[in-house]
Structures are given as C-alpha cells and as structure tokens.
Amino acid sequence: MRLVQKTNFFPRYFFIWFVCVISQSAYAEFRSVASAKTILYEAPSATTKRVYLVGEGYPLEIIVNLGDWLKVRDPYGTLSWAESKNLPFNNQLILEDNLSEAIHDAELILSVVPTSGFRAILKEIKSLNYKAPVIWANKGLEAGTAKLPHEVAMEELGDPKKTGQHWGALSGPSFAAELVRSLPTALTLAATDETFTQSLASIIHGNNLRVYTSQDVIGVSVGGALKNVIAIAAGISDGMGFGNNARAALITRGLAEITRFGMSLGGQKDTFMGLTGAGDLILTCTGDYSRNREVGLRLAKGQTIDEVLKGLGHVAEGVYTAKEVVNRAKALHVSMPITHEVNQVLSFGKSPKEAVIDLLGREQKSEIH
C-alpha cells in the first residue's frame, strides 16, 4: 500500500511518502499531526518517557485506539503513543493501492521508499508512462547490484536528456523528527539539468528549510549512501567508550574513504566537503536520532546484528550498504579500511573489539595520498 499526501506546503503536488505492506490494509487508518509541536510518548500517559516531538502534518499509522490515546507507527517503523486530540482525521492523507490513481495528476513525485524498493517503484512509474519528474530521498546501494540510486534511475527511467523526464536526489543532514518541527535545516537538490534544479529548489526552499542546488548527482548519491556505514563505525566507537578523539578520527578518515570512492565514480571533490558529504556524515555519526549510529551502539554492547535489526524496528540503510560498498570498492581498487571492518562485523560476525584492533594495527602512512 502507498500513503499519499496532498500537501499545501508544496502547492499542486502529490508525494509518495513511502511504500509498505500492511496486513488488512483496507482497514489501516492514517492520521497526521495537527499542532506544531506534538509529543509522542513511550506509553499511553503524559508522565512516561517522551520519545520525540513531531510537527504539523507528520503522518502516523494508528495501531491501537484507546479513545484518548492512540498507539502509532511513523513512516520509519517507530512505535509510540499520542493523545487523540493531537491527531484529528485528515482528508489530505490517502491510503492508495493503485499507483496510477495516486500520481495521475502529479507534477512531481517525491519517492522516499527504502533503497531496496526503489527500482520497483520506478518500474511501475515507467510502466504507467508518467513523465512527471521523480526526486528521491533514499540513501544506499542496491543489494546484489551495488548500484546507487542515480544508476538505478538511469536504467529504469532513462537519460533525462533523451526522455525529457527529469530526476534527481534530495539529500543532506536532516533528521525527520527535527524537520517536521520546523527546526532550521539545509539540504541539497541535485539533478543534471540546472534549469530544472533551480526551478524546483525555489519551490521547496523557504521558511526554516534552505535548499542548495548541485548538478553532481553522483557525488550527492555517494555521500548519502556511504555515510551510513561510517556512522555504524562511530556508534561502535561510542558504545565501546573510546571517546571524542576516536569519533573525530573515524569521521575524518571515513570522509576520506567516501571521497576516494565517489571520485572514482566521477563525483566532484567539492561535493564531499559540502552538506551531502561532510555535513550528512557529521550528523549521522553524532546525532541521537541516527539509526545507523544506533546499530553500532548496540553491536558494541554485544548484540548480534540479527538482534539489533529485530529490536530497531526501522530501516538502517548502512547495514545493507556495507557489503555492496566493499564489493564495488574492490572492483574500483579503492582502499576503504573502515568500511571493510564494518562489513566484517556485520556480515562475518567479527567482534567490534577485533575490528578496532585491526584498524589501529594498520601500517603507518601519509594522511594525504
């Protein structure tokens, strides 16, 4: 099923918010937050722990209705409780299982499906012969092919210069829980056509959301995907109590890995110093909302990756990206020692402690090479 929002923030546009499989989908109920700052709680009581704040328009699926309290699930799979008065019925949120109906009059399609479902949604859009521009916000490499989102788009939708259908990526350091509270956020919109990029950015840009433009779709895609793997390493470091020095070293050397990988694919060096490179990496490696950092923290506590994923409740793209990055880096002859050790922990059961020892035991070398 697809949750579609007809929003007043971007006039005249429909957005595909996410794709999910819902049992008894005909009876699924979605609502959106009414107030600018609505608290979600751990249990149905205002005296319990606060999970986070969400802002007006944030979509939530109703799991349990107790009258005054609602158990809800957000688009990332996180479960919490909200007071019913803060979640009135909203006729702008529509559950639609027919993609043709969902996007038939769309002027723009914003896809935020996980990377694992990205190719499938593009295939459907193409089969319907819709030429509306497609912008995606997912970050990762496709399992099995190691393709980045822009490469998948090129294969499924074709070259915009030939088809006339524009596509691109919206990326940068942004936690949804802060964005929906209208806290200041800066993003980058990347597409190969400068005129299209500038036009679309002017629509999205405004209030507390600042949007920069770029034509480096490769660099933006690489930065968004690989920072998740480095964030797992940062979480492991934090979880093992290695301190701020170690985290700073991981972020810096991780950025070097990302830059080498991205430039080998044709990305521009300056992109990796910007919002979608260093900016997104720093946020994901340090922020408490980071799902990938949380994976690392839990691995450091001794949980297996299966236990981590079961308890996490939502997608952490870095878990699936690490293996694909390692395989592709080998083919490109790009050195990525941090990514390699993260994959050893995730895919081969290597202990985080052993991974750290092996990283520290590497031969001494020049920082710049």
Protein backbone atom coordinates (compact mmCIF):
# COMPACT_ATOMS: atom_id res chain seq x y z
CA MET A 1 0.00 0.00 0.00
CA ARG A 2 1.10 3.59 -0.58
CA LEU A 3 0.49 6.55 1.65
CA VAL A 4 -0.04 9.65 -0.47
CA GLN A 5 -0.20 13.17 0.89
CA LYS A 6 -1.72 16.08 -0.98
CA THR A 7 0.08 18.89 0.75
CA ASN A 8 -0.38 22.64 0.90
CA PHE A 9 3.32 23.22 1.60
CA PHE A 10 4.29 22.44 -1.99
CA PRO A 11 1.25 23.67 -3.98
CA ARG A 12 -0.36 21.37 -6.56
CA TYR A 13 1.96 18.45 -5.88
CA PHE A 14 1.31 14.87 -4.76
CA PHE A 15 4.01 12.97 -2.95
CA ILE A 16 4.55 9.26 -2.44
CA TRP A 17 5.67 9.24 1.17
CA PHE A 18 6.51 5.56 1.50
CA VAL A 19 5.63 2.09 0.28
CA CYS A 20 4.84 -0.63 2.79
CA VAL A 21 2.99 -3.90 3.09
CA ILE A 22 0.10 -3.69 5.53
CA SER A 23 -1.95 -6.66 6.65
CA GLN A 24 -5.68 -5.99 6.48
CA SER A 25 -4.74 -2.86 4.57
CA ALA A 26 -8.33 -1.94 3.80
CA TYR A 27 -8.77 -1.20 7.50
CA ALA A 28 -5.49 0.63 8.08
CA GLU A 29 -6.01 4.12 9.46
CA PHE A 30 -3.66 7.03 8.96
CA ARG A 31 -3.80 10.47 10.55
CA SER A 32 -1.48 13.44 10.65
CA VAL A 33 -0.34 15.67 13.49
CA ALA A 34 -2.42 18.82 13.96
CA SER A 35 -0.20 21.02 16.13
CA ALA A 36 3.28 22.40 15.52
CA LYS A 37 4.78 20.50 18.46
CA THR A 38 3.14 17.22 19.40
CA ILE A 39 4.80 14.90 21.92
CA LEU A 40 4.96 11.16 21.28
CA TYR A 41 5.28 9.05 24.43
CA GLU A 42 6.63 5.62 25.31
CA ALA A 43 3.31 4.59 26.88
CA PRO A 44 -0.28 5.97 26.99
CA SER A 45 0.43 8.51 29.72
CA ALA A 46 1.90 12.01 29.75
CA THR A 47 4.02 11.01 32.76
CA THR A 48 6.01 8.42 30.80
CA LYS A 49 9.18 8.92 28.78
CA ARG A 50 8.95 11.20 25.76
CA VAL A 51 10.04 9.51 22.54
CA TYR A 52 10.28 12.67 20.41
CA LEU A 53 8.45 15.72 19.13
CA VAL A 54 6.78 15.85 15.72
CA GLY A 55 5.35 18.76 13.81
CA GLU A 56 2.18 19.61 11.94
CA GLY A 57 1.34 17.30 9.04
CA TYR A 58 3.56 14.39 10.16
CA PRO A 59 1.84 11.14 9.02
CA LEU A 60 1.20 8.37 11.55
CA GLU A 61 -0.47 4.97 11.23
CA ILE A 62 -2.93 4.11 14.01
CA ILE A 63 -2.11 0.70 15.53
CA VAL A 64 -4.28 0.75 18.68
CA ASN A 65 -7.10 3.15 19.56
CA LEU A 66 -7.82 3.52 23.30
CA GLY A 67 -10.02 6.56 22.89
CA ASP A 68 -7.97 9.32 24.49
CA TRP A 69 -4.71 7.67 23.46
CA LEU A 70 -3.50 6.20 20.17
CA LYS A 71 -0.65 3.79 19.61
CA VAL A 72 1.01 4.94 16.39
CA ARG A 73 3.72 3.94 13.94
CA ASP A 74 5.65 6.54 11.95
CA PRO A 75 6.99 6.12 8.38
CA TYR A 76 10.27 4.74 9.79
CA GLY A 77 8.55 2.00 11.80
CA THR A 78 8.97 3.56 15.25
CA LEU A 79 6.11 2.81 17.67
CA SER A 80 4.91 5.32 20.27
CA TRP A 81 1.76 6.79 21.85
CA ALA A 82 -0.02 10.08 21.15
CA GLU A 83 -3.04 11.83 22.57
CA SER A 84 -6.06 11.53 20.26
CA LYS A 85 -6.77 15.28 20.42
CA ASN A 86 -3.47 15.92 18.61
CA LEU A 87 -4.26 13.57 15.73
CA PRO A 88 -7.60 14.52 14.15
CA PHE A 89 -8.82 12.85 10.97
CA ASN A 90 -7.15 14.38 7.93
CA ASN A 91 -8.63 14.08 4.45
CA GLN A 92 -5.31 15.04 2.86
CA LEU A 93 -3.78 11.70 3.87
CA ILE A 94 -4.89 8.97 1.50
CA LEU A 95 -4.09 5.25 1.54
CA GLU A 96 -3.99 4.23 -2.12
CA ASP A 97 -3.00 0.83 -3.52
CA ASN A 98 -3.30 1.93 -7.14
CA LEU A 99 -0.20 3.83 -8.23
CA SER A 100 -1.95 5.18 -11.29
CA GLU A 101 -4.62 6.79 -9.12
CA ALA A 102 -2.03 8.06 -6.65
CA ILE A 103 0.03 10.01 -9.18
CA HIS A 104 -2.27 10.57 -12.16
CA ASP A 105 -2.28 14.37 -11.80
CA ALA A 106 1.09 14.75 -10.07
CA GLU A 107 3.50 17.40 -11.26
CA LEU A 108 6.27 15.97 -9.08
CA ILE A 109 6.84 12.56 -7.48
CA LEU A 110 8.93 12.51 -4.31
CA SER A 111 9.94 8.93 -3.51
CA VAL A 112 11.10 8.07 -0.02
CA VAL A 113 10.91 4.30 -0.27
CA PRO A 114 13.93 2.38 1.09
CA THR A 115 16.64 1.65 -1.47
CA SER A 116 15.50 -1.99 -1.59
CA GLY A 117 12.18 -0.91 -3.08
CA PHE A 118 13.39 1.96 -5.25
CA ARG A 119 13.82 0.06 -8.52
CA ALA A 120 10.37 -1.50 -8.22
CA ILE A 121 8.63 1.86 -7.80
CA LEU A 122 10.50 3.31 -10.78
CA LYS A 123 9.49 0.33 -12.91
CA GLU A 124 5.86 0.95 -12.00
CA ILE A 125 6.08 4.65 -12.80
CA LYS A 126 7.64 3.90 -16.18
CA SER A 127 5.06 1.21 -16.99
CA LEU A 128 2.32 3.80 -16.48
CA ASN A 129 4.10 6.14 -18.92
CA TYR A 130 4.08 9.05 -16.48
CA LYS A 131 6.65 11.73 -17.26
CA ALA A 132 6.41 13.73 -14.03
CA PRO A 133 9.84 14.46 -12.50
CA VAL A 134 10.99 11.97 -9.86
CA ILE A 135 13.02 13.11 -6.86
CA TRP A 136 14.19 10.57 -4.30
CA ALA A 137 15.40 10.85 -0.71
CA ASN A 138 16.60 7.28 -0.12
CA LYS A 139 20.30 6.71 0.52
CA GLY A 140 22.10 3.45 -0.11
CA LEU A 141 23.34 0.89 -2.62
CA GLU A 142 21.01 -1.66 -4.14
CA ALA A 143 21.58 -5.18 -2.79
CA GLY A 144 23.04 -7.56 -5.33
CA THR A 145 23.98 -4.92 -7.90
CA ALA A 146 25.78 -2.32 -5.74
CA LYS A 147 24.04 0.33 -7.86
CA LEU A 148 23.48 3.80 -6.45
CA PRO A 149 20.01 5.40 -6.78
CA HIS A 150 21.01 7.57 -9.75
CA GLU A 151 22.28 4.48 -11.58
CA VAL A 152 19.01 2.67 -10.92
CA ALA A 153 17.11 5.71 -12.19
CA MET A 154 19.21 5.81 -15.35
CA GLU A 155 18.44 2.15 -16.02
CA GLU A 156 14.73 2.33 -15.29
CA LEU A 157 13.71 5.84 -16.37
CA GLY A 158 16.42 6.54 -18.91
CA ASP A 159 18.63 9.55 -19.57
CA PRO A 160 16.65 12.77 -18.90
CA LYS A 161 18.35 14.38 -21.90
CA LYS A 162 16.72 11.78 -24.15
CA THR A 163 13.42 11.10 -22.37
CA GLY A 164 12.60 14.59 -21.15
CA GLN A 165 11.72 13.17 -17.71
CA HIS A 166 13.87 14.84 -15.07
CA TRP A 167 15.03 13.05 -11.96
CA GLY A 168 17.40 13.74 -9.10
CA ALA A 169 18.23 13.45 -5.41
CA LEU A 170 17.25 15.47 -2.35
CA SER A 171 19.83 14.88 0.33
CA GLY A 172 21.75 16.39 3.22
CA PRO A 173 21.97 16.45 7.03
CA SER A 174 18.36 16.13 8.16
CA PHE A 175 16.57 14.18 10.85
CA ALA A 176 12.84 13.92 10.12
CA ALA A 177 11.97 14.48 13.78
CA GLU A 178 13.59 17.93 13.62
CA LEU A 179 12.45 18.83 10.12
CA VAL A 180 8.77 18.31 10.97
CA ARG A 181 9.21 20.63 13.97
CA SER A 182 10.31 23.36 11.54
CA LEU A 183 13.80 23.50 13.02
CA PRO A 184 16.41 25.06 10.70
CA THR A 185 17.62 22.58 8.09
CA ALA A 186 19.73 22.82 4.92
CA LEU A 187 19.56 20.30 2.06
CA THR A 188 20.96 19.87 -1.43
CA LEU A 189 18.86 19.16 -4.51
CA ALA A 190 20.90 17.51 -7.25
CA ALA A 191 19.88 16.95 -10.88
CA THR A 192 21.77 17.10 -14.14
CA ASP A 193 19.60 19.87 -15.62
CA GLU A 194 20.48 23.20 -13.97
CA THR A 195 17.29 24.99 -15.03
CA PHE A 196 15.08 22.22 -13.62
CA THR A 197 17.10 22.08 -10.39
CA GLN A 198 16.87 25.82 -9.80
CA SER A 199 13.14 25.87 -10.54
CA LEU A 200 12.32 23.01 -8.19
CA ALA A 201 14.63 24.26 -5.43
CA SER A 202 12.83 27.61 -5.43
CA ILE A 203 9.57 25.80 -4.65
CA ILE A 204 10.97 23.69 -1.80
CA HIS A 205 13.18 26.43 -0.34
CA GLY A 206 11.59 28.61 2.32
CA ASN A 207 10.83 29.20 5.98
CA ASN A 208 13.26 27.09 8.01
CA LEU A 209 14.27 24.86 5.09
CA ARG A 210 17.18 26.12 2.99
CA VAL A 211 17.82 24.30 -0.29
CA TYR A 212 21.06 24.49 -2.26
CA THR A 213 21.46 23.13 -5.78
CA SER A 214 24.01 20.88 -7.43
CA GLN A 215 24.48 19.08 -10.73
CA ASP A 216 26.76 16.47 -9.15
CA VAL A 217 24.18 13.69 -8.78
CA ILE A 218 26.97 11.12 -8.43
CA GLY A 219 28.68 12.86 -5.53
CA VAL A 220 25.41 13.57 -3.73
CA SER A 221 24.34 9.92 -4.11
CA VAL A 222 27.67 8.56 -2.86
CA GLY A 223 27.83 10.86 0.17
CA GLY A 224 24.31 9.97 1.26
CA ALA A 225 24.89 6.24 0.92
CA LEU A 226 28.34 5.74 2.41
CA LYS A 227 27.95 7.99 5.45
CA ASN A 228 25.60 5.37 6.90
CA VAL A 229 28.39 2.78 7.03
CA ILE A 230 30.78 5.19 8.76
CA ALA A 231 28.02 6.03 11.25
CA ILE A 232 27.87 2.37 12.29
CA ALA A 233 31.61 2.54 12.97
CA ALA A 234 31.12 5.72 15.00
CA GLY A 235 28.38 4.03 17.01
CA ILE A 236 30.66 1.09 17.76
CA SER A 237 33.38 3.51 18.89
CA ASP A 238 30.99 5.44 21.13
CA GLY A 239 29.50 2.25 22.51
CA MET A 240 32.92 0.96 23.47
CA GLY A 241 33.71 4.21 25.25
CA PHE A 242 36.57 5.32 23.01
CA GLY A 243 35.71 9.00 23.39
CA ASN A 244 35.62 12.09 21.26
CA ASN A 245 39.10 11.78 19.77
CA ALA A 246 38.31 8.39 18.27
CA ARG A 247 34.98 9.59 16.88
CA ALA A 248 36.63 12.60 15.24
CA ALA A 249 39.26 10.34 13.67
CA LEU A 250 36.60 7.97 12.31
CA ILE A 251 34.58 10.81 10.81
CA THR A 252 37.65 12.37 9.18
CA ARG A 253 39.11 9.15 7.81
CA GLY A 254 35.63 7.99 6.86
CA LEU A 255 35.18 11.13 4.80
CA ALA A 256 38.47 10.33 3.05
CA GLU A 257 37.11 6.88 2.12
CA ILE A 258 33.85 8.35 0.85
CA THR A 259 35.70 10.93 -1.22
CA ARG A 260 38.03 8.35 -2.81
CA PHE A 261 35.10 6.10 -3.68
CA GLY A 262 32.97 8.94 -5.04
CA MET A 263 35.70 10.48 -7.16
CA SER A 264 36.47 7.08 -8.70
CA LEU A 265 32.87 7.09 -9.99
CA GLY A 266 33.06 10.65 -11.30
CA GLY A 267 31.89 12.62 -8.30
CA GLN A 268 33.32 16.08 -7.65
CA LYS A 269 35.68 16.53 -4.69
CA ASP A 270 33.97 19.74 -3.51
CA THR A 271 30.66 17.88 -3.13
CA PHE A 272 32.14 15.72 -0.38
CA MET A 273 33.12 18.82 1.58
CA GLY A 274 29.53 20.07 1.49
CA LEU A 275 26.14 19.29 3.00
CA THR A 276 25.69 15.87 1.41
CA GLY A 277 29.23 14.80 2.25
CA ALA A 278 30.80 16.14 5.44
CA GLY A 279 27.51 17.63 6.69
CA ASP A 280 25.45 14.45 6.46
CA LEU A 281 28.35 12.36 7.75
CA ILE A 282 28.85 14.50 10.87
CA LEU A 283 25.14 14.48 11.71
CA THR A 284 24.73 10.73 11.23
CA CYS A 285 27.85 9.93 13.26
CA THR A 286 26.92 12.15 16.22
CA GLY A 287 23.15 12.59 16.36
CA ASP A 288 20.93 10.71 18.79
CA TYR A 289 18.28 10.22 16.07
CA SER A 290 20.75 8.33 13.85
CA ARG A 291 19.52 4.80 13.17
CA ASN A 292 22.89 3.68 11.80
CA ARG A 293 24.81 5.01 14.80
CA GLU A 294 22.31 3.15 16.99
CA VAL A 295 23.21 -0.08 15.18
CA GLY A 296 26.84 0.47 16.13
CA LEU A 297 25.98 1.28 19.74
CA ARG A 298 24.03 -1.95 20.08
CA LEU A 299 26.72 -4.04 18.41
CA ALA A 300 29.24 -2.61 20.89
CA LYS A 301 27.00 -3.84 23.72
CA GLY A 302 27.32 -7.41 22.43
CA GLN A 303 24.12 -7.80 20.44
CA THR A 304 24.24 -9.75 17.20
CA ILE A 305 23.22 -7.98 14.01
CA ASP A 306 20.02 -10.06 13.91
CA GLU A 307 19.15 -8.96 17.44
CA VAL A 308 19.91 -5.34 16.55
CA LEU A 309 17.68 -5.33 13.48
CA LYS A 310 14.85 -7.06 15.32
CA GLY A 311 14.94 -4.50 18.12
CA LEU A 312 15.48 -1.47 15.91
CA GLY A 313 12.05 -1.57 14.27
CA HIS A 314 13.01 0.50 11.21
CA VAL A 315 15.44 0.60 8.30
CA ALA A 316 19.14 1.33 8.83
CA GLU A 317 20.48 1.51 5.28
CA GLY A 318 24.12 1.18 6.31
CA VAL A 319 23.63 -2.46 7.30
CA TYR A 320 22.83 -3.44 3.73
CA THR A 321 25.11 -0.90 2.08
CA ALA A 322 28.39 -2.02 3.69
CA LYS A 323 28.66 -5.31 1.80
CA GLU A 324 27.86 -3.70 -1.54
CA VAL A 325 30.37 -0.88 -1.00
CA VAL A 326 33.15 -3.35 -0.15
CA ASN A 327 32.47 -5.39 -3.30
CA ARG A 328 32.36 -2.34 -5.53
CA ALA A 329 35.43 -0.77 -3.92
CA LYS A 330 37.42 -3.91 -4.76
CA ALA A 331 36.40 -3.63 -8.39
CA LEU A 332 37.40 0.05 -8.39
CA HIS A 333 40.66 -0.65 -6.49
CA VAL A 334 39.71 1.88 -3.81
CA SER A 335 41.06 1.44 -0.28
CA MET A 336 38.28 1.58 2.36
CA PRO A 337 39.61 0.07 5.62
CA ILE A 338 36.85 1.40 7.92
CA THR A 339 34.10 0.19 5.60
CA HIS A 340 35.86 -3.17 5.31
CA GLU A 341 35.94 -3.67 9.08
CA VAL A 342 32.29 -2.62 9.47
CA ASN A 343 31.35 -5.23 6.88
CA GLN A 344 33.42 -7.84 8.70
CA VAL A 345 31.36 -7.17 11.83
CA LEU A 346 28.02 -7.12 10.01
CA SER A 347 28.47 -9.95 7.53
CA PHE A 348 31.00 -12.27 9.12
CA GLY A 349 30.41 -11.94 12.86
CA LYS A 350 33.75 -10.35 13.68
CA SER A 351 33.73 -8.80 17.13
CA PRO A 352 33.78 -4.98 17.26
CA LYS A 353 36.85 -5.18 19.51
CA GLU A 354 38.79 -7.23 16.95
CA ALA A 355 37.77 -4.82 14.20
CA VAL A 356 39.12 -1.85 16.18
CA ILE A 357 42.39 -3.67 16.92
CA ASP A 358 42.87 -4.45 13.23
CA LEU A 359 42.15 -0.85 12.22
CA LEU A 360 44.65 0.52 14.74
CA GLY A 361 47.22 -2.09 13.70
CA ARG A 362 47.40 -0.98 10.09
CA GLU A 363 50.78 0.21 8.80
CA GLN A 364 51.72 3.86 9.27
CA LYS A 365 51.23 6.01 6.16
CA SER A 366 50.83 9.58 4.90
CA GLU A 367 47.44 11.15 5.63
CA ILE A 368 47.14 12.63 2.14
CA HIS A 369 47.55 10.19 -0.70
